[in-house]
C-alpha cells in the first residue's frame, strides 16, 4: 500500500481508529502497535463476524424466488 512499510501502515491506522476500534488497541503491547498485521487482526478477534449482519440482511432482503423454486425451496 503506497510502498509504505509495515510500521508506517500501523502508525497511520492506529492514528485513525476511534471509539470501540481504538479501545482494542489498549489490549496490544507496544511492539504489537507497530505491527500492521497484529493491529488488523485485533478487531477480527474482538468483533468476530458482527460486520456480516448488514450484508446478510441485505442478501436476504434482495432474495427473489426463481421460477424453478417451489415455496419450500425458496424458504430455505
N, C-alpha and C. Protein backbone atom coordinates (compact mmCIF):
# COMPACT_ATOMS: atom_id res chain seq x y z
N UNK A 1 0.85 -1.18 0.00
CA UNK A 1 0.00 0.00 0.00
C UNK A 1 0.89 1.23 0.00
N UNK A 2 0.89 1.99 -1.06
CA UNK A 2 1.66 3.23 -1.20
C UNK A 2 3.14 3.04 -0.94
N UNK A 3 3.64 1.82 -1.07
CA UNK A 3 5.04 1.50 -0.77
C UNK A 3 5.40 1.84 0.67
N UNK A 4 4.45 1.76 1.56
CA UNK A 4 4.69 2.02 2.98
C UNK A 4 5.21 0.75 3.64
N UNK A 5 6.02 0.94 4.65
CA UNK A 5 6.47 -0.20 5.43
C UNK A 5 5.33 -0.67 6.34
N UNK A 6 5.50 -1.85 6.89
CA UNK A 6 4.52 -2.40 7.83
C UNK A 6 4.34 -1.45 9.01
N UNK A 7 5.43 -0.88 9.49
CA UNK A 7 5.36 0.03 10.64
C UNK A 7 4.67 1.35 10.28
N UNK A 8 4.90 1.86 9.08
CA UNK A 8 4.23 3.10 8.66
C UNK A 8 2.72 2.89 8.54
N UNK A 9 2.32 1.75 7.96
CA UNK A 9 0.89 1.45 7.86
C UNK A 9 0.26 1.34 9.24
N UNK A 10 0.98 0.70 10.16
CA UNK A 10 0.48 0.55 11.53
C UNK A 10 0.30 1.90 12.19
N UNK A 11 1.25 2.78 12.00
CA UNK A 11 1.19 4.11 12.61
C UNK A 11 -0.02 4.90 12.10
N UNK A 12 -0.23 4.88 10.80
CA UNK A 12 -1.36 5.61 10.22
C UNK A 12 -2.68 5.00 10.69
N UNK A 13 -2.77 3.69 10.67
CA UNK A 13 -4.01 3.03 11.09
C UNK A 13 -4.34 3.33 12.54
N UNK A 14 -3.37 3.22 13.43
CA UNK A 14 -3.65 3.48 14.84
C UNK A 14 -4.06 4.93 15.08
N UNK A 15 -3.55 5.84 14.28
CA UNK A 15 -3.92 7.25 14.45
C UNK A 15 -5.33 7.54 13.95
N UNK A 16 -5.87 6.67 13.09
CA UNK A 16 -7.19 6.90 12.51
C UNK A 16 -8.33 6.20 13.25
N UNK A 17 -8.01 5.22 14.09
CA UNK A 17 -9.07 4.48 14.78
C UNK A 17 -9.75 5.33 15.84
N UNK A 18 -11.05 5.11 16.02
CA UNK A 18 -11.83 5.86 17.01
C UNK A 18 -12.73 4.91 17.79
N UNK A 19 -13.21 5.37 18.91
CA UNK A 19 -14.22 4.69 19.72
C UNK A 19 -13.84 3.24 20.04
N UNK A 20 -14.77 2.30 19.79
CA UNK A 20 -14.52 0.91 20.19
C UNK A 20 -13.37 0.28 19.43
N UNK A 21 -13.13 0.72 18.20
CA UNK A 21 -11.99 0.20 17.45
C UNK A 21 -10.68 0.63 18.09
N UNK A 22 -10.62 1.87 18.54
CA UNK A 22 -9.41 2.36 19.20
C UNK A 22 -9.21 1.70 20.56
N UNK A 23 -10.30 1.37 21.22
CA UNK A 23 -10.21 0.73 22.54
C UNK A 23 -9.53 -0.63 22.46
N UNK A 24 -9.63 -1.28 21.33
CA UNK A 24 -8.99 -2.58 21.15
C UNK A 24 -7.48 -2.46 21.26
N UNK A 25 -6.95 -1.31 20.86
CA UNK A 25 -5.50 -1.11 20.89
C UNK A 25 -4.95 -1.17 22.31
N UNK A 26 -5.79 -0.90 23.29
CA UNK A 26 -5.34 -0.94 24.68
C UNK A 26 -4.89 -2.33 25.08
N UNK A 27 -5.36 -3.36 24.40
CA UNK A 27 -5.01 -4.74 24.72
C UNK A 27 -3.73 -5.20 24.03
N UNK A 28 -3.17 -4.37 23.17
CA UNK A 28 -1.95 -4.74 22.46
C UNK A 28 -0.73 -4.18 23.16
N UNK A 29 0.36 -4.94 23.15
CA UNK A 29 1.60 -4.43 23.73
C UNK A 29 2.23 -3.43 22.75
N UNK A 30 3.20 -2.67 23.22
CA UNK A 30 3.77 -1.59 22.41
C UNK A 30 4.41 -2.11 21.12
N UNK A 31 5.02 -3.28 21.16
CA UNK A 31 5.62 -3.81 19.92
C UNK A 31 4.54 -4.21 18.92
N UNK A 32 3.40 -4.69 19.41
CA UNK A 32 2.30 -5.05 18.50
C UNK A 32 1.67 -3.81 17.87
N UNK A 33 1.76 -2.67 18.53
CA UNK A 33 1.20 -1.44 17.97
C UNK A 33 1.99 -0.95 16.75
N UNK A 34 3.15 -1.53 16.51
CA UNK A 34 3.95 -1.19 15.33
C UNK A 34 3.86 -2.29 14.26
N UNK A 35 2.98 -3.25 14.49
CA UNK A 35 2.83 -4.39 13.58
C UNK A 35 1.45 -4.32 12.92
N UNK A 36 1.43 -3.96 11.66
CA UNK A 36 0.17 -3.77 10.92
C UNK A 36 -0.71 -5.02 10.96
N UNK A 37 -0.10 -6.18 10.79
CA UNK A 37 -0.88 -7.42 10.77
C UNK A 37 -1.53 -7.70 12.13
N UNK A 38 -0.83 -7.42 13.20
CA UNK A 38 -1.40 -7.63 14.54
C UNK A 38 -2.54 -6.65 14.80
N UNK A 39 -2.36 -5.42 14.35
CA UNK A 39 -3.40 -4.40 14.55
C UNK A 39 -4.66 -4.77 13.77
N UNK A 40 -4.49 -5.23 12.53
CA UNK A 40 -5.67 -5.56 11.72
C UNK A 40 -6.35 -6.84 12.17
N UNK A 41 -5.64 -7.72 12.84
CA UNK A 41 -6.28 -8.94 13.32
C UNK A 41 -7.00 -8.73 14.66
N UNK A 42 -6.63 -7.72 15.42
CA UNK A 42 -7.24 -7.48 16.73
C UNK A 42 -8.75 -7.23 16.65
N UNK A 43 -9.26 -6.39 15.74
CA UNK A 43 -10.72 -6.20 15.66
C UNK A 43 -11.46 -7.47 15.25
N UNK A 44 -10.83 -8.27 14.40
CA UNK A 44 -11.47 -9.53 13.99
C UNK A 44 -11.67 -10.44 15.19
N UNK A 45 -10.69 -10.46 16.07
CA UNK A 45 -10.81 -11.29 17.28
C UNK A 45 -11.89 -10.74 18.20
N UNK A 46 -11.99 -9.43 18.30
CA UNK A 46 -12.94 -8.79 19.22
C UNK A 46 -14.37 -8.81 18.68
N UNK A 47 -14.53 -8.44 17.41
CA UNK A 47 -15.87 -8.26 16.86
C UNK A 47 -16.37 -9.48 16.08
N UNK A 48 -15.50 -10.38 15.72
CA UNK A 48 -15.91 -11.59 15.00
C UNK A 48 -16.61 -11.27 13.70
N UNK A 49 -17.73 -11.91 13.47
CA UNK A 49 -18.48 -11.75 12.22
C UNK A 49 -19.61 -10.75 12.32
N UNK A 50 -19.57 -9.88 13.32
CA UNK A 50 -20.66 -8.92 13.51
C UNK A 50 -20.85 -8.02 12.29
N UNK A 51 -19.77 -7.77 11.56
CA UNK A 51 -19.86 -6.91 10.38
C UNK A 51 -20.68 -7.55 9.26
N UNK A 52 -20.92 -8.85 9.35
CA UNK A 52 -21.67 -9.55 8.32
C UNK A 52 -23.18 -9.38 8.46
N UNK A 53 -23.64 -8.91 9.59
CA UNK A 53 -25.08 -8.81 9.84
C UNK A 53 -25.78 -7.99 8.77
N UNK A 54 -25.28 -6.81 8.48
CA UNK A 54 -25.91 -5.95 7.46
C UNK A 54 -25.83 -6.58 6.08
N UNK A 55 -24.70 -7.18 5.79
CA UNK A 55 -24.52 -7.81 4.48
C UNK A 55 -25.50 -8.96 4.29
N UNK A 56 -25.62 -9.82 5.29
CA UNK A 56 -26.53 -10.96 5.18
C UNK A 56 -27.99 -10.51 5.17
N UNK A 57 -28.31 -9.47 5.92
CA UNK A 57 -29.67 -8.93 5.91
C UNK A 57 -30.01 -8.42 4.51
N UNK A 58 -29.07 -7.74 3.89
CA UNK A 58 -29.29 -7.24 2.53
C UNK A 58 -29.49 -8.36 1.53
N UNK A 59 -28.71 -9.43 1.67
CA UNK A 59 -28.87 -10.58 0.77
C UNK A 59 -30.25 -11.21 0.95
N UNK A 60 -30.68 -11.35 2.18
CA UNK A 60 -31.99 -11.93 2.45
C UNK A 60 -33.10 -11.04 1.89
N UNK A 61 -32.97 -9.74 2.08
CA UNK A 61 -33.97 -8.79 1.61
C UNK A 61 -34.07 -8.79 0.08
N UNK A 62 -32.94 -8.98 -0.59
CA UNK A 62 -32.90 -8.93 -2.05
C UNK A 62 -33.15 -10.27 -2.73
N UNK A 63 -33.35 -11.31 -1.94
CA UNK A 63 -33.56 -12.64 -2.50
C UNK A 63 -34.90 -12.69 -3.21
N UNK A 64 -34.91 -13.29 -4.38
CA UNK A 64 -36.16 -13.44 -5.14
C UNK A 64 -36.37 -14.91 -5.49
N UNK A 65 -37.62 -15.28 -5.55
CA UNK A 65 -37.96 -16.66 -5.88
C UNK A 65 -37.76 -16.88 -7.37
N UNK A 66 -37.03 -17.92 -7.70
CA UNK A 66 -36.80 -18.28 -9.10
C UNK A 66 -37.98 -19.11 -9.60
N UNK A 67 -38.18 -19.11 -10.90
CA UNK A 67 -39.31 -19.84 -11.50
C UNK A 67 -39.26 -21.32 -11.15
N UNK A 68 -38.09 -21.89 -11.05
CA UNK A 68 -37.95 -23.32 -10.77
C UNK A 68 -38.12 -23.65 -9.28
N UNK A 69 -38.14 -22.65 -8.40
CA UNK A 69 -38.23 -22.87 -6.96
C UNK A 69 -39.68 -22.92 -6.49
N UNK A 70 -40.03 -24.03 -5.82
CA UNK A 70 -41.33 -24.03 -5.16
C UNK A 70 -41.17 -23.25 -3.86
N UNK A 71 -42.25 -23.01 -3.17
CA UNK A 71 -42.22 -22.17 -1.97
C UNK A 71 -41.30 -22.74 -0.89
N UNK A 72 -41.30 -24.06 -0.72
CA UNK A 72 -40.45 -24.70 0.28
C UNK A 72 -38.98 -24.48 -0.03
N UNK A 73 -38.60 -24.65 -1.28
CA UNK A 73 -37.21 -24.44 -1.69
C UNK A 73 -36.82 -22.98 -1.50
N UNK A 74 -37.70 -22.07 -1.87
CA UNK A 74 -37.42 -20.64 -1.72
C UNK A 74 -37.26 -20.25 -0.26
N UNK A 75 -38.02 -20.87 0.62
CA UNK A 75 -37.96 -20.54 2.05
C UNK A 75 -36.63 -20.93 2.67
N UNK A 76 -35.94 -21.88 2.09
CA UNK A 76 -34.65 -22.31 2.62
C UNK A 76 -33.58 -21.86 1.71
